[in-house]
Amino acid sequence: MIGVRVRLTFPEELVRQPVIARMTEQFAVVPNIRKADVGEQGGWILCELDGDGGVVDEALAWLRSEGVRVDLLGDVVES
């Protein structure tokens, strides 16, 4: 298992969508939300995503395909 720190930035059209919930349903990753600022016009979440390396990469690619901006904030958090 690995964990990566990411900043997820959501545009206005995704703020009211359960994007994180859908991600956890589709991929075996566990998000640990550390900080967030979400409003009606958009928002961001700082979180750690834990899971198998390939699955975490797939989840990040899926988030990008949904329109979420994904910024990697560091290397592996835990192994």
C-alpha atoms as a PDB file:
ATOM      1  CA  MET A   1       0.000   0.000   0.000  1.00  0.00           C
ATOM      2  CA  ILE A   2       1.068   3.528  -0.732  1.00  0.00           C
ATOM      3  CA  GLY A   3      -0.351   6.909   0.033  1.00  0.00           C
ATOM      4  CA  VAL A   4      -0.012  10.104  -1.934  1.00  0.00           C
ATOM      5  CA  ARG A   5      -0.752  13.668  -0.897  1.00  0.00           C
ATOM      6  CA  VAL A   6      -2.828  15.575  -3.390  1.00  0.00           C
ATOM      7  CA  ARG A   7      -4.686  18.827  -3.779  1.00  0.00           C
ATOM      8  CA  LEU A   8      -7.975  18.298  -5.585  1.00  0.00           C
ATOM      9  CA  THR A   9      -9.496  21.423  -7.100  1.00  0.00           C
ATOM     10  CA  PHE A  10     -13.145  21.283  -8.092  1.00  0.00           C
ATOM     11  CA  PRO A  11     -14.760  23.625 -10.627  1.00  0.00           C
ATOM     12  CA  GLU A  12     -18.163  25.096  -9.907  1.00  0.00           C
ATOM     13  CA  GLU A  13     -20.034  22.436 -11.888  1.00  0.00           C
ATOM     14  CA  LEU A  14     -18.585  19.617  -9.721  1.00  0.00           C
ATOM     15  CA  VAL A  15     -18.975  21.139  -6.251  1.00  0.00           C
ATOM     16  CA  ARG A  16     -22.367  19.559  -5.648  1.00  0.00           C
ATOM     17  CA  GLN A  17     -21.411  16.176  -7.147  1.00  0.00           C
ATOM     18  CA  PRO A  18     -20.360  13.239  -4.909  1.00  0.00           C
ATOM     19  CA  VAL A  19     -17.042  12.831  -6.738  1.00  0.00           C
ATOM     20  CA  ILE A  20     -15.063  11.505  -3.761  1.00  0.00           C
ATOM     21  CA  ALA A  21     -17.817   9.021  -2.899  1.00  0.00           C
ATOM     22  CA  ARG A  22     -17.950   7.741  -6.498  1.00  0.00           C
ATOM     23  CA  MET A  23     -14.155   7.410  -6.532  1.00  0.00           C
ATOM     24  CA  THR A  24     -14.212   5.225  -3.417  1.00  0.00           C
ATOM     25  CA  GLU A  25     -16.981   3.073  -4.926  1.00  0.00           C
ATOM     26  CA  GLN A  26     -15.017   2.492  -8.140  1.00  0.00           C
ATOM     27  CA  PHE A  27     -11.484   2.193  -6.766  1.00  0.00           C
ATOM     28  CA  ALA A  28     -10.023   0.549  -3.671  1.00  0.00           C
ATOM     29  CA  VAL A  29      -8.594   3.791  -2.282  1.00  0.00           C
ATOM     30  CA  VAL A  30      -9.131   5.431   1.085  1.00  0.00           C
ATOM     31  CA  PRO A  31      -9.138   9.236   1.176  1.00  0.00           C
ATOM     32  CA  ASN A  32      -8.020  11.019   4.327  1.00  0.00           C
ATOM     33  CA  ILE A  33      -9.161  14.625   3.996  1.00  0.00           C
ATOM     34  CA  ARG A  34      -6.741  16.899   5.827  1.00  0.00           C
ATOM     35  CA  LYS A  35      -8.064  20.333   4.873  1.00  0.00           C
ATOM     36  CA  ALA A  36     -10.721  21.722   2.557  1.00  0.00           C
ATOM     37  CA  ASP A  37     -12.331  24.923   1.384  1.00  0.00           C
ATOM     38  CA  VAL A  38     -15.454  24.359  -0.685  1.00  0.00           C
ATOM     39  CA  GLY A  39     -18.016  26.958  -1.701  1.00  0.00           C
ATOM     40  CA  GLU A  40     -20.694  27.384  -4.332  1.00  0.00           C
ATOM     41  CA  GLN A  41     -18.232  28.583  -7.011  1.00  0.00           C
ATOM     42  CA  GLY A  42     -15.645  25.816  -6.536  1.00  0.00           C
ATOM     43  CA  GLY A  43     -13.275  24.504  -3.972  1.00  0.00           C
ATOM     44  CA  TRP A  44     -10.260  22.454  -3.068  1.00  0.00           C
ATOM     45  CA  ILE A  45      -9.427  19.515  -0.833  1.00  0.00           C
ATOM     46  CA  LEU A  46      -6.024  18.515   0.527  1.00  0.00           C
ATOM     47  CA  CYS A  47      -6.011  14.799   1.135  1.00  0.00           C
ATOM     48  CA  GLU A  48      -4.009  11.625   1.259  1.00  0.00           C
ATOM     49  CA  LEU A  49      -5.124   8.741  -0.919  1.00  0.00           C
ATOM     50  CA  ASP A  50      -4.095   5.295   0.329  1.00  0.00           C
ATOM     51  CA  GLY A  51      -4.220   2.114  -1.735  1.00  0.00           C
ATOM     52  CA  ASP A  52      -2.238  -0.111  -4.045  1.00  0.00           C
ATOM     53  CA  GLY A  53       0.051   1.923  -6.311  1.00  0.00           C
ATOM     54  CA  GLY A  54      -1.649   1.071  -9.584  1.00  0.00           C
ATOM     55  CA  VAL A  55      -5.110   1.616  -8.139  1.00  0.00           C
ATOM     56  CA  VAL A  56      -4.164   5.031  -6.722  1.00  0.00           C
ATOM     57  CA  ASP A  57      -2.848   6.020 -10.167  1.00  0.00           C
ATOM     58  CA  GLU A  58      -6.093   4.838 -11.775  1.00  0.00           C
ATOM     59  CA  ALA A  59      -8.163   6.810  -9.254  1.00  0.00           C
ATOM     60  CA  LEU A  60      -6.134   9.968  -9.936  1.00  0.00           C
ATOM     61  CA  ALA A  61      -6.553   9.506 -13.695  1.00  0.00           C
ATOM     62  CA  TRP A  62     -10.295   9.038 -13.182  1.00  0.00           C
ATOM     63  CA  LEU A  63     -10.521  12.240 -11.113  1.00  0.00           C
ATOM     64  CA  ARG A  64      -8.774  14.139 -13.914  1.00  0.00           C
ATOM     65  CA  SER A  65     -11.142  12.661 -16.495  1.00  0.00           C
ATOM     66  CA  GLU A  66     -14.091  13.879 -14.391  1.00  0.00           C
ATOM     67  CA  GLY A  67     -12.761  17.448 -14.506  1.00  0.00           C
ATOM     68  CA  VAL A  68     -10.999  17.632 -11.139  1.00  0.00           C
ATOM     69  CA  ARG A  69      -7.583  19.276 -11.157  1.00  0.00           C
ATOM     70  CA  VAL A  70      -5.111  16.972  -9.400  1.00  0.00           C
ATOM     71  CA  ASP A  71      -1.859  18.379  -8.028  1.00  0.00           C
ATOM     72  CA  LEU A  72       0.565  15.942  -6.416  1.00  0.00           C
ATOM     73  CA  LEU A  73       1.968  17.467  -3.238  1.00  0.00           C
ATOM     74  CA  GLY A  74       4.646  14.952  -2.362  1.00  0.00           C
ATOM     75  CA  ASP A  75       5.947  11.480  -2.706  1.00  0.00           C
ATOM     76  CA  VAL A  76       4.764   8.406  -0.911  1.00  0.00           C
ATOM     77  CA  VAL A  77       3.238   9.111   2.493  1.00  0.00           C
ATOM     78  CA  GLU A  78       3.404   5.549   3.850  1.00  0.00           C
ATOM     79  CA  SER A  79       4.348   2.147   2.537  1.00  0.00           C
END
